[in-house]
Amino acid sequence: MAAGRIAARVSALWIFAAFSVTAAMGGDCASAETKAQSCMRCHGQHGHHVTFENKETIEAYVDEEKFQTSVHRSLTCSQCHPEFSDDRHPQRSFRSKAQFQTKASLVCRRCHQDSQLGRSSIHAALLKEEGDGRPAVCTHCHGSHAIVRVARQGRLLSEEAYCLKCHGRPVTFSFANGERRSKAIDFSALEASVHDKLACSDCHYGFSPEEHPQRHFRTSRDYTLAASDSCRRCHFDKYTKTMESIHYAMLSAGNLKAPVCIDCHGAHSITRIGHARALSAKRCQKCHSDIYDIYAKSVHGSALFNENNKDVPVCVDCHTAHTIVDPRTTNYREKIPDLCSNCHANKEIMGKYGLSTDVLKTYLADFHGVTLSFYRIQKDEGALPLKPMAVCTDCHGTHNISSTVGPDANIVKANLVRKCQRCHAKADENFPDTWLSHYEPSMTRSPLVFFVSLLYRFLLPVMAAGLVLQVLLHIWRYVVDR
């Protein structure tokens, strides 16, 4: 353990000082008036680089303005770079940048002792990693020449210069069951997300530049469930809606695979998907791949994915985003006509495709719709229909909706006959032809039905008027004869 600790001591700080420039540069610098000025004559200019044996390079540039605002502004160059002075600029060779970092690491430890560092939970964890032989470099979090007090860093500075110094690199953490998960964050994706104005600690409550508590999870899934719970701090209205959903019911019953916020929205790359309707449908594909494949081949899905048609419904239009209920319940079934009419009763949308907007009107006027209307009136009294009420999905299908015209029309009709026979055992292949397809009869569509309806519009008022006239004449005759 002692040997490992001694070896790991060589790994703490990468000082971003480029002190391996040529001897000729050192001669030029020696002519400057002060130590700082002599160093900055070369290191204050862009263009000087240090090349390592493995061809890696770093620039030997120091931003003097940022250095003057750092906590080390009172130090001279040689206090952190003791091998270098006005008259001494040794040539040194390193195999790689990592070796250069380990060589420069002892500088910080000359002032910042382990006993002092161990008071912070973050540094204590890094010291423990050092004991296990895994180097931790101070500049990954604090920088080199522009070091500022962590507690005083601004929100975005803390996010970029502090958290992302570790989480911007390909590092992983382990779970009790042996799973490993990447800690790396794609900052460009974070900047493009809807949370680009938030600081890390806004979502990762309890973590800050001063505090970095150690947490232990049995599995990667346990961590995801815990992380999703953070969403409710800002999105409590959405969170309470999910508590009424079938997903939350499955999760409460012990099914840890049930989706939570992060599964659908992502973690750091959260984007607005209100207009990205295809992306919205693909989110559901993660769990419902079979249904997604069926939907993709339907009249709605093919229009969405092949034509980028934004008029067609996607999963959340019918099932909602957060209050997802079991579609097999009677309460959900009785709402299906209203769900379908959201689009099919919209004249602006249906006008593009020449489709009827009288779907709800014509459905509620026929036998099936009247049955549904009676159920809605009586359901508060606990009355349930003796047989399932026929709604849109019973005739048209759910996710596999096909066009009723074109080459697949005969297939649709054959399927419809089988569905009718579930309740109408004697229904034959011509039975569906009695249905007017949600269109009001007209001169061009079902003209016989149109003329009969027109006849009744005149005949019934005449008969009613005649009946009233007969009653009035009878009363008049009775009065006169008396």
Foldseek 3Di string as FASTA:
>chain_A
DVVLLVQQLLFAAQALADLQDDVVLLQQLLVDDDWQSSRCVPQCDWDAWDAAQVRDIHTNHDPVVLLCVAPCVVDGPCLLVVQDTSNGRDHDHDNDSNSSNSNSNCSVCVPQPPVNQCVFPVSVVQSVVSSVNDHHYNCLAQNHSNGHPQVPDDQVCCQVRHPCSPQCDFDWDAAQQGDIDTSHDDVVLLCQAPCNVHGPCLQVPQDGSRHDDDDHHHDPLRVVVVSLVSVCVPPVVLVVLLCQAPLVVCVVVPPSVRDGDCLQQNDRNGHDCPLVQVSNQVSVCVPVVVLSVLLCQAPQNVCCVVVVDSLGDGDCLLQNDRNGYDCVDLVSQLCVQVSVLVRLLDCVNCVVVVHHNQQLVVCCPDPLNVVSVVCVVCVVVVDDDPDRRDDDCLLQNDSNGYDCDDPCVLVSLVSNQVSVCVPVVPRDSCNCVVDQRSDDDDCVGPNVVVVVVVVCVVVVVVVVVVVVVVVVVVVVVVVVVD
